[in-house]
Protein backbone atom coordinates (compact mmCIF):
# COMPACT_ATOMS: atom_id res chain seq x y z
CA MET A 1 175.14 207.00 13.62
CA THR A 2 175.39 206.41 17.50
CA ASP A 3 178.73 205.73 18.99
CA THR A 4 178.20 202.35 20.80
CA ARG A 5 181.67 202.98 22.97
CA SER A 6 179.86 206.26 24.35
CA PRO A 7 179.25 206.18 28.14
CA ILE A 8 176.15 204.34 29.87
CA ARG A 9 173.50 206.71 30.20
CA SER A 10 170.85 204.73 32.05
CA ILE A 11 171.19 201.71 34.74
CA LEU A 12 168.27 199.53 35.56
CA ILE A 13 168.42 197.79 39.01
CA VAL A 14 165.69 194.70 39.26
CA GLY A 15 165.66 193.54 42.97
CA GLY A 16 165.79 195.51 46.09
CA GLY A 17 167.02 194.19 49.64
CA THR A 18 170.69 194.02 50.42
CA ALA A 19 171.82 193.27 47.16
CA GLY A 20 169.61 195.97 45.08
CA TRP A 21 170.41 199.11 47.74
CA MET A 22 174.01 198.32 48.21
CA THR A 23 174.64 198.29 44.39
CA ALA A 24 172.09 201.47 44.13
CA ALA A 25 174.08 203.41 46.91
CA ALA A 26 177.63 202.41 45.46
CA LEU A 27 177.00 203.46 41.76
CA ALA A 28 175.26 206.38 42.46
CA GLN A 29 178.23 207.80 44.44
CA ALA A 30 180.80 206.43 41.15
CA VAL A 31 178.57 206.76 38.27
CA PRO A 32 177.03 209.76 36.97
CA ALA A 33 174.25 207.97 34.69
CA GLY A 34 170.82 208.19 35.77
CA ILE A 35 169.95 204.77 38.09
CA THR A 36 166.71 203.20 38.62
CA LEU A 37 165.79 200.11 41.21
CA ILE A 38 162.54 198.25 40.76
CA GLU A 39 161.33 196.56 44.01
CA SER A 40 158.13 195.31 44.87
CA ASP A 41 157.12 195.41 48.49
CA ASP A 42 155.04 192.14 48.01
CA ILE A 43 157.99 190.33 47.35
CA GLY A 44 160.04 189.35 50.55
CA THR A 45 164.16 189.09 51.00
CA VAL A 46 166.17 186.25 52.01
CA GLY A 47 167.58 187.85 54.96
CA VAL A 48 169.86 185.26 56.23
CA GLY A 49 173.03 187.67 55.61
CA GLU A 50 173.28 189.36 58.82
CA ALA A 51 176.67 188.20 59.68
CA THR A 52 179.64 189.95 57.43
CA ILE A 53 183.27 189.81 57.26
CA PRO A 54 185.98 192.42 57.66
CA PRO A 55 185.83 193.85 54.34
CA ILE A 56 182.17 195.18 54.91
CA LYS A 57 184.20 197.93 56.69
CA LEU A 58 185.69 199.32 53.43
CA PHE A 59 182.44 199.32 51.47
CA ASN A 60 181.02 201.46 54.40
CA ASP A 61 184.00 203.56 54.58
CA THR A 62 183.99 204.12 50.67
CA LEU A 63 180.16 205.51 50.87
CA GLY A 64 181.38 207.87 53.92
CA ILE A 65 178.92 205.94 56.38
CA ASP A 66 179.75 206.81 60.11
CA GLU A 67 180.22 203.24 61.98
CA ALA A 68 178.28 204.85 65.27
CA GLU A 69 175.31 205.86 62.86
CA PHE A 70 175.39 202.63 60.69
CA LEU A 71 175.28 200.46 64.00
CA ARG A 72 172.59 202.44 65.44
CA GLU A 73 170.38 202.43 62.41
CA THR A 74 171.09 198.47 61.84
CA LYS A 75 170.72 197.81 65.62
CA GLY A 76 174.23 195.99 64.76
CA THR A 77 176.82 194.60 66.92
CA PHE A 78 180.55 193.91 66.69
CA LYS A 79 181.83 190.76 65.26
CA LEU A 80 185.10 189.21 66.08
CA GLY A 81 185.34 185.92 64.57
CA ILE A 82 183.06 182.54 64.55
CA GLU A 83 182.71 179.72 67.22
CA PHE A 84 182.16 176.20 65.72
CA VAL A 85 180.77 174.14 67.97
CA ASP A 86 180.50 170.15 67.40
CA TRP A 87 182.21 170.47 63.58
CA ALA A 88 185.39 168.01 64.14
CA ARG A 89 183.20 165.89 66.93
CA VAL A 90 180.50 165.89 69.28
CA GLY A 91 181.73 168.17 72.53
CA HIS A 92 184.71 169.58 70.50
CA ARG A 93 184.70 173.73 69.57
CA TYR A 94 186.89 176.00 68.21
CA PHE A 95 187.17 179.90 67.14
CA HIS A 96 188.02 181.21 63.58
CA PRO A 97 189.10 184.59 64.54
CA PHE A 98 189.30 187.60 62.41
CA GLY A 99 193.24 188.76 62.27
CA THR A 100 196.39 186.68 62.97
CA PHE A 101 197.30 184.82 65.63
CA GLY A 102 199.58 186.57 67.73
CA LYS A 103 202.70 188.47 66.38
CA PRO A 104 205.34 186.08 65.30
CA PHE A 105 208.78 186.65 66.96
CA ASP A 106 210.87 184.93 63.98
CA LEU A 107 210.67 183.69 60.43
CA VAL A 108 208.39 180.82 61.21
CA ALA A 109 204.49 181.22 61.67
CA VAL A 110 203.08 181.26 65.43
CA HIS A 111 200.97 178.13 64.68
CA GLN A 112 204.14 176.01 64.17
CA HIS A 113 205.59 177.51 67.49
CA TRP A 114 202.20 176.46 68.89
CA LEU A 115 202.45 172.88 67.61
CA ALA A 116 206.12 172.61 68.85
CA ALA A 117 204.96 173.62 72.07
CA ARG A 118 202.19 171.16 72.06
CA ALA A 119 204.77 168.37 71.34
CA ALA A 120 206.55 169.61 74.50
CA GLY A 121 203.84 169.03 76.42
CA SER A 122 202.24 172.52 76.45
CA ARG A 123 197.89 172.67 76.79
CA VAL A 124 197.95 176.07 75.86
CA PRO A 125 194.75 175.88 73.13
CA LEU A 126 195.50 177.63 69.57
CA ASP A 127 192.53 179.96 70.38
CA ASP A 128 194.11 181.42 73.39
CA LEU A 129 196.92 182.93 70.58
CA SER A 130 194.17 184.69 68.78
CA MET A 131 193.28 188.22 70.17
CA ALA A 132 189.90 188.29 68.66
CA TRP A 133 189.24 184.97 70.47
CA GLY A 134 190.35 186.60 73.96
CA ALA A 135 188.11 189.49 73.73
CA ALA A 136 185.07 187.40 72.23
CA SER A 137 185.53 184.69 74.74
CA ARG A 138 185.10 187.41 77.67
CA GLY A 139 182.12 189.61 75.91
CA ARG A 140 184.84 191.94 75.55
CA PHE A 141 185.32 194.56 72.24
CA ALA A 142 187.68 198.04 71.41
CA ALA A 143 188.89 198.81 68.16
CA PRO A 144 192.22 197.53 67.08
CA MET A 145 195.34 199.45 68.47
CA ALA A 146 197.37 201.15 65.50
CA ASP A 147 200.93 200.46 67.15
CA PRO A 148 201.84 197.82 65.69
CA ARG A 149 204.14 196.95 68.77
CA SER A 150 200.62 196.06 70.60
CA VAL A 151 198.90 192.75 70.46
CA ALA A 152 195.56 194.50 70.49
CA SER A 153 196.49 195.09 66.85
CA THR A 154 196.77 192.02 65.67
CA PHE A 155 192.70 191.31 65.50
CA ASP A 156 189.95 192.66 62.80
CA TYR A 157 186.34 192.58 63.32
CA ALA A 158 183.09 193.17 61.24
CA TYR A 159 179.74 193.48 62.47
CA HIS A 160 176.33 191.42 63.27
CA PHE A 161 173.16 193.49 61.85
CA ASP A 162 169.59 193.56 60.64
CA ALA A 163 169.85 193.41 56.75
CA GLY A 164 166.40 194.63 56.24
CA LEU A 165 167.50 198.21 58.47
CA TYR A 166 170.85 197.98 56.34
CA ALA A 167 169.13 198.20 52.78
CA ARG A 168 166.33 200.78 54.08
CA TYR A 169 169.36 202.71 55.54
CA LEU A 170 171.36 202.31 51.95
CA ARG A 171 167.90 203.13 50.38
CA ARG A 172 167.96 206.61 52.10
CA ARG A 173 171.00 207.50 51.09
CA ALA A 174 170.54 206.46 47.62
CA GLU A 175 167.47 208.16 46.87
CA ALA A 176 169.41 211.55 48.23
CA ARG A 177 171.66 210.83 45.40
CA ASN A 178 169.04 210.64 42.90
CA VAL A 179 168.21 207.19 42.54
CA THR A 180 164.62 206.53 41.26
CA ARG A 181 163.04 203.93 43.29
CA ILE A 182 160.09 202.24 41.15
CA GLU A 183 157.50 199.86 43.09
CA GLY A 184 156.42 197.15 40.92
CA LYS A 185 156.59 193.86 39.85
CA VAL A 186 158.64 192.86 36.84
CA VAL A 187 157.02 190.33 34.97
CA ASP A 188 158.74 190.09 31.31
CA ALA A 189 161.95 191.25 29.57
CA THR A 190 162.60 192.29 26.18
CA LEU A 191 165.29 191.31 24.30
CA ASP A 192 167.01 193.38 21.46
CA GLY A 193 166.75 191.10 18.22
CA GLU A 194 170.05 192.06 17.13
CA SER A 195 172.22 192.07 19.95
CA GLY A 196 170.24 189.72 22.15
CA HIS A 197 170.69 192.46 25.25
CA VAL A 198 168.16 192.99 27.21
CA ALA A 199 166.10 196.11 25.72
CA ALA A 200 163.91 196.82 28.58
CA VAL A 201 161.47 195.08 31.26
CA THR A 202 157.80 195.22 31.50
CA LEU A 203 155.88 195.58 35.13
CA ALA A 204 152.55 193.95 35.90
CA ASP A 205 150.83 197.20 35.47
CA GLY A 206 152.15 197.44 31.93
CA ARG A 207 154.92 199.88 32.23
CA ARG A 208 158.21 199.48 30.03
CA ILE A 209 161.62 200.47 31.39
CA GLU A 210 164.41 200.76 28.91
CA ALA A 211 168.14 200.83 30.00
CA ASP A 212 171.77 200.47 28.91
CA LEU A 213 172.93 198.35 31.45
CA PHE A 214 171.14 196.07 33.84
CA VAL A 215 171.89 194.89 37.27
CA ASP A 216 169.94 191.76 38.09
CA CYS A 217 169.22 191.78 42.09
CA SER A 218 166.32 189.45 41.96
CA GLY A 219 167.20 186.85 44.29
CA PHE A 220 167.54 182.94 43.62
CA ARG A 221 164.79 183.66 40.52
CA GLY A 222 167.53 185.13 38.21
CA LEU A 223 165.02 186.99 36.56
CA LEU A 224 167.19 188.44 33.73
CA ILE A 225 170.42 186.60 34.16
CA GLU A 226 168.82 183.24 33.96
CA GLU A 227 165.00 183.26 32.82
CA ALA A 228 165.53 186.28 30.09
CA LEU A 229 169.00 184.78 29.02
CA GLY A 230 169.12 181.29 29.83
CA THR A 231 173.09 181.71 31.47
CA GLY A 232 173.04 178.30 33.10
CA TYR A 233 174.29 177.07 36.85
CA GLU A 234 176.42 174.85 38.24
CA ASP A 235 175.33 172.99 41.04
CA TRP A 236 177.76 172.19 44.12
CA THR A 237 175.47 170.11 45.88
CA HIS A 238 177.92 167.25 45.72
CA TRP A 239 180.05 169.01 47.72
CA LEU A 240 178.00 171.28 50.02
CA PRO A 241 174.72 169.14 50.31
CA CYS A 242 172.47 171.61 52.81
CA ASP A 243 169.69 172.85 50.73
CA ARG A 244 167.61 174.13 52.73
CA ALA A 245 167.39 176.50 55.97
CA VAL A 246 164.70 177.21 58.53
CA ALA A 247 165.21 180.74 60.34
CA VAL A 248 163.50 182.68 63.10
CA PRO A 249 164.33 185.53 65.04
CA SER A 250 164.49 185.02 69.07
CA ALA A 251 164.76 187.44 72.23
CA THR A 252 168.50 187.72 73.43
CA GLY A 253 169.16 185.28 75.95
CA GLY A 254 171.78 182.63 76.88
CA ASP A 255 174.86 183.99 76.28
CA GLY A 256 173.54 187.29 75.36
CA MET A 257 175.07 189.90 73.09
CA THR A 258 178.46 187.99 72.19
CA PRO A 259 180.94 189.87 69.74
CA TYR A 260 180.76 186.74 67.53
CA THR A 261 178.41 184.30 65.59
CA ARG A 262 178.23 180.84 66.52
CA SER A 263 177.72 177.87 64.20
CA THR A 264 176.85 174.41 66.01
CA ALA A 265 176.90 171.41 63.75
CA ARG A 266 173.51 169.43 64.02
CA ALA A 267 172.77 165.75 62.67
CA ALA A 268 171.94 167.06 59.05
CA GLY A 269 173.48 170.44 59.20
CA TRP A 270 174.41 173.18 61.42
CA GLN A 271 172.82 175.86 63.16
CA TRP A 272 173.42 179.76 63.03
CA ARG A 273 173.23 182.20 66.05
CA ILE A 274 173.75 185.70 64.96
CA PRO A 275 173.02 188.25 68.19
CA LEU A 276 171.95 191.77 67.60
CA GLN A 277 170.99 194.75 69.52
CA HIS A 278 167.14 194.17 69.94
CA ARG A 279 167.20 190.15 68.96
CA THR A 280 169.01 186.95 68.28
CA GLY A 281 169.13 185.78 64.49
CA ASN A 282 168.82 181.96 64.30
CA GLY A 283 168.55 179.18 61.70
CA TYR A 284 169.10 175.72 60.81
CA VAL A 285 170.98 175.23 57.64
CA TYR A 286 170.11 171.36 56.62
CA CYS A 287 170.08 168.57 53.85
CA SER A 288 166.91 167.91 52.90
CA ARG A 289 167.88 164.10 51.89
CA HIS A 290 168.49 163.58 55.53
CA LEU A 291 165.94 165.73 57.58
CA SER A 292 162.17 166.60 56.82
CA ASP A 293 161.08 170.72 57.01
CA ASP A 294 159.15 169.81 60.30
CA ALA A 295 162.09 167.91 61.93
CA ALA A 296 164.19 170.83 61.08
CA THR A 297 162.12 173.31 62.67
CA ALA A 298 161.45 171.49 65.38
CA THR A 299 165.16 171.10 66.21
CA LEU A 300 165.64 174.60 65.73
CA MET A 301 162.56 175.85 67.90
CA ALA A 302 164.20 173.42 70.53
CA ASN A 303 167.69 175.02 70.66
CA LEU A 304 166.86 179.09 71.07
CA ASP A 305 168.06 180.65 73.88
CA GLY A 306 165.50 183.14 73.85
CA ALA A 307 161.57 183.31 72.79
CA PRO A 308 160.75 183.06 69.50
CA LEU A 309 159.77 186.32 68.25
CA ALA A 310 158.28 185.21 64.56
CA ASP A 311 157.16 182.22 62.64
CA PRO A 312 160.03 180.25 61.62
CA ARG A 313 160.45 180.57 57.74
CA LEU A 314 161.42 178.13 55.18
CA LEU A 315 164.16 178.83 52.36
CA ARG A 316 165.34 176.52 49.74
CA PHE A 317 168.37 176.81 47.98
CA THR A 318 170.86 175.12 45.62
CA THR A 319 174.68 176.09 46.34
CA GLY A 320 176.33 176.58 43.36
CA ARG A 321 177.14 179.77 40.82
CA ARG A 322 175.72 180.82 37.69
CA LYS A 323 178.22 179.97 34.63
CA ARG A 324 178.23 183.41 34.10
CA PHE A 325 177.88 186.32 36.51
CA TRP A 326 177.97 188.78 33.66
CA ASN A 327 176.23 187.92 30.13
CA ARG A 328 175.66 190.39 27.63
CA ASN A 329 174.18 193.84 29.21
CA VAL A 330 173.22 191.86 32.53
CA VAL A 331 175.26 191.58 35.57
CA ALA A 332 173.90 189.67 38.60
CA ILE A 333 174.81 190.43 42.12
CA GLY A 334 173.78 188.73 45.45
CA LEU A 335 171.65 185.75 45.09
CA ALA A 336 170.93 185.99 41.57
CA SER A 337 174.90 185.44 41.03
CA GLY A 338 174.56 182.02 42.77
CA PHE A 339 174.44 180.80 46.11
CA MET A 340 176.86 180.20 49.15
CA GLU A 341 175.63 178.93 52.19
CA PRO A 342 176.32 181.33 55.14
CA LEU A 343 178.49 179.01 56.73
CA GLU A 344 181.62 181.84 56.61
CA SER A 345 179.01 184.72 56.25
CA THR A 346 180.16 185.58 52.84
CA SER A 347 176.74 186.54 51.38
CA ILE A 348 177.14 190.46 51.87
CA HIS A 349 180.78 190.07 50.91
CA LEU A 350 179.97 188.60 47.79
CA ILE A 351 177.53 191.25 46.80
CA GLN A 352 180.38 193.85 47.89
CA ALA A 353 182.63 192.31 45.78
CA GLY A 354 180.36 191.81 42.53
CA ILE A 355 180.02 195.77 43.03
CA ALA A 356 183.59 196.23 43.23
CA LYS A 357 184.13 194.55 39.96
CA LEU A 358 181.45 195.92 38.48
CA LEU A 359 183.15 199.47 38.92
CA ALA A 360 186.31 197.83 38.13
CA PHE A 361 185.20 196.81 34.71
CA PHE A 362 182.46 199.40 34.19
CA PRO A 363 181.84 199.09 30.41
CA THR A 364 180.42 201.67 27.65
CA ARG A 365 177.71 200.71 25.50
CA ALA A 366 179.87 198.51 23.26
CA PHE A 367 179.85 195.94 26.42
CA GLU A 368 183.61 195.35 25.33
CA PRO A 369 183.95 191.56 25.52
CA ARG A 370 187.31 191.68 27.33
CA GLY A 371 186.14 193.44 30.09
CA ILE A 372 183.02 191.21 30.29
CA ALA A 373 185.37 187.97 30.28
CA GLU A 374 187.79 189.06 33.05
CA TYR A 375 184.93 190.19 35.36
CA ASN A 376 183.57 186.53 34.95
CA ARG A 377 187.15 184.79 35.31
CA VAL A 378 187.78 186.84 38.67
CA ALA A 379 184.35 185.89 39.89
CA ILE A 380 184.27 182.17 38.97
CA THR A 381 187.80 182.01 41.08
CA GLU A 382 186.70 184.03 44.19
CA TYR A 383 183.56 182.09 44.15
CA GLU A 384 185.45 178.48 43.81
CA ARG A 385 187.96 179.64 46.28
CA ILE A 386 185.08 180.51 48.96
CA ARG A 387 183.63 177.15 47.65
CA ASP A 388 186.49 175.23 48.79
CA PHE A 389 187.01 177.13 52.47
CA LEU A 390 183.53 176.07 52.83
CA ILE A 391 183.99 172.15 51.79
CA LEU A 392 187.11 172.33 54.09
CA HIS A 393 184.56 172.34 57.31
CA TYR A 394 182.52 169.67 56.18
CA LYS A 395 185.49 167.45 54.69
CA LEU A 396 187.36 167.48 58.12
CA THR A 397 184.93 165.83 60.37
CA GLU A 398 185.66 162.92 62.47
CA ARG A 399 181.96 162.58 63.18
CA ASP A 400 180.33 158.99 62.39
CA ASP A 401 177.16 159.72 64.28
CA ALA A 402 175.01 160.67 61.26
CA PRO A 403 174.55 160.03 57.72
CA LEU A 404 175.45 163.68 56.36
CA TRP A 405 178.63 163.79 58.38
CA ARG A 406 179.80 160.49 57.15
CA ALA A 407 178.84 161.22 53.49
CA CYS A 408 181.19 164.29 53.82
CA ARG A 409 184.06 162.58 55.66
CA ASP A 410 184.48 160.56 52.78
CA MET A 411 183.26 162.41 49.74
CA ALA A 412 186.01 163.37 47.26
CA ILE A 413 186.92 166.89 46.90
CA PRO A 414 188.32 169.55 44.48
CA ASP A 415 192.03 169.11 43.89
CA THR A 416 192.56 172.71 44.85
CA LEU A 417 191.44 172.00 48.10
CA GLN A 418 192.88 168.19 48.33
CA LEU A 419 196.27 169.79 47.92
CA LYS A 420 195.85 172.47 50.67
CA ILE A 421 194.57 169.75 53.01
CA ASP A 422 197.60 167.62 51.98
CA HIS A 423 200.19 170.26 52.07
CA PHE A 424 199.21 171.32 55.92
CA ARG A 425 198.66 167.88 57.03
CA ASP A 426 202.59 167.05 55.96
CA ALA A 427 203.98 169.85 58.00
CA GLY A 428 201.50 172.81 58.72
CA ARG A 429 202.32 174.48 55.31
CA LEU A 430 199.65 176.75 53.96
CA VAL A 431 199.59 176.98 50.23
CA ALA A 432 197.53 180.30 48.72
CA ARG A 433 195.88 180.26 45.41
CA ASP A 434 194.91 183.81 43.31
CA MET A 435 192.02 185.08 44.63
CA ASP A 436 191.94 183.52 48.04
CA LEU A 437 189.40 185.54 50.33
CA PHE A 438 190.30 183.49 53.53
CA GLY A 439 193.92 184.26 54.72
CA PRO A 440 196.31 182.16 56.81
CA ALA A 441 195.08 182.72 59.85
CA SER A 442 191.39 181.30 58.74
CA TRP A 443 192.90 178.08 56.98
CA THR A 444 194.96 177.67 60.17
CA ALA A 445 191.97 177.69 62.49
CA VAL A 446 190.02 175.52 60.46
CA HIS A 447 192.66 173.15 60.01
CA ILE A 448 193.98 172.83 63.34
CA GLY A 449 190.16 173.53 64.57
CA GLN A 450 188.80 170.49 62.60
CA LEU A 451 191.90 168.15 63.78
CA ASN A 452 193.68 168.51 60.84
CA LEU A 453 197.08 168.23 62.60
CA PRO A 454 200.44 168.38 60.60
CA ASP A 455 202.54 165.10 60.95
CA ALA A 456 205.29 167.36 61.28
CA THR A 457 206.40 171.08 61.88
CA ASP A 458 208.27 173.48 59.79
CA PRO A 459 211.68 172.57 59.01
CA LEU A 460 212.97 175.79 59.93
CA LEU A 461 212.08 175.03 63.63
CA HIS A 462 214.92 172.83 63.71
CA TYR A 463 217.32 175.44 63.29
CA GLY A 464 215.71 177.80 65.95
CA PRO A 465 216.18 177.94 69.82
CA GLY A 466 214.60 174.81 70.51
CA LEU A 467 211.08 173.48 71.88
CA ALA A 468 211.65 175.25 75.26
CA ALA A 469 211.84 178.59 73.53
CA SER A 470 208.50 177.88 71.69
CA SER A 471 206.50 176.71 74.84
CA ALA A 472 207.93 179.98 76.42
CA PHE A 473 206.74 181.96 73.47
CA VAL A 474 203.14 180.45 73.16
CA ASP A 475 203.13 181.09 77.18
CA ARG A 476 203.87 184.87 76.86
CA LEU A 477 201.64 185.37 74.03
CA ALA A 478 198.73 184.09 75.61
CA GLY A 479 199.56 185.79 78.60
CA ALA A 480 199.55 189.19 76.95
CA ILE A 481 196.66 188.46 75.49
CA ARG A 482 194.40 187.45 78.53
CA ASN A 483 195.94 190.74 80.12
CA MET A 484 194.62 192.72 76.94
CA ALA A 485 191.59 191.16 76.79
CA GLU A 486 190.55 191.68 80.38
CA SER A 487 191.33 195.52 80.27
CA MET A 488 188.76 195.85 77.50
CA PRO A 489 185.37 197.19 78.05
CA GLY A 490 182.44 194.81 77.77
CA HIS A 491 180.65 194.53 74.40
CA ALA A 492 177.84 196.61 75.22
CA ASP A 493 179.87 199.01 77.21
CA TYR A 494 181.84 199.89 73.82
CA LEU A 495 178.66 200.17 71.78
CA ALA A 496 177.02 202.53 74.28
CA ARG A 497 180.54 204.47 74.49
CA ILE A 498 180.58 205.28 70.91
CA GLY A 499 177.15 206.17 70.80
CA ALA A 500 176.08 202.98 68.68
CA ARG A 501 173.38 201.61 71.20
CA HIS A 502 169.95 201.96 69.40
CA SER A 503 167.66 203.96 71.70
CA GLY A 504 164.29 203.05 70.10
């Protein structure tokens, strides 16, 4: 008699790309089971996830990846945050920094002192209280200092990189740990008649591959999680209406290799700019109800800051999530689990988060229901928290120049987000919830950047030394950040200094 609580013997990953090879590399390091990955060279990858957020450093560190080597292999650059242009209104811009806004000098948040100073006549922008923007706006970069007394310890960073090169880099590492790659196209999945679990997949050439645990990294199609198991999908386009993107790489031009991503709002969506060592990634995410594919492509091509290096590529998607991320013996990771538009660079993070949860709730062959249920609860909660943060950007707009923006401004939003907007509008308070990926500085940047200015400040300010002290603090902090930023090396110089520039 088989002991169903015995360890998983075999894992089959269906699909390669960033999701598949991140999963393979991580599982190969943690699990002694046999790991096989099936991918087809004939099936392309989406490739929009070239910008990341700071937790990617933890993933790479866990795999023992050297930062300079990683940047060389992926032609990567550093990222200090995202600049948002024309989101609140045309002509307005702000920065979402990685890290904090300065260092508080009392129990009141820095942005509260900024609000008080502003009321007293200060014209220092909130962005100037962020070390990340201090460096980013000057095209500078250096690693954060470890000394907590220094303002140079208050920022964080992530990366821009070529997702295709990252997948190939991880493939080499995974195969060195005995991950088996099979070239082929999956055309069918066989379910076990008793349990309903996926028993095997069949390839176009007739090969049948069995496994205990299946990881679906097949992209939007959801070959196992949806086509085989009929898990269902929750559509969020009534809150996040963009459903298409056109993408194209270009030669580096304009502002050059900036240490930050740029998101520029357009009439029917927004355009991304992601600078790498060898090119710049560009794309226009838009709502097909308000713009044709041809018009979107024309807008994108007219707003490149360098010559295009390939033909533009069209992508279709539905923002939302699977109703379950783990169903029976199938775990969906990456686009197979859902799609969150790349506005805040969460695509690769959600792959990383799915892998981390899989390891935290790694099953036996019994596939314990309690563990699967908790995996789904945590994954769904995290998705919904990110969803709310993205909706915030669309909801908080004063733009009245195009139907998309008027609809977003007037739309009903989830109660979980409305609560946060109302609290901040009352007195600049930040309300945290379980599984919030983005912290206080991120929410502050978008609230204030998109002009959700509070009606009052924190009552604790009334017990402090007064508006003059807040103004002086803001001036000192902005000055310290400016001086530190100007002492940093240029972004390209720093990459060269640590041996991270790609010479080929």
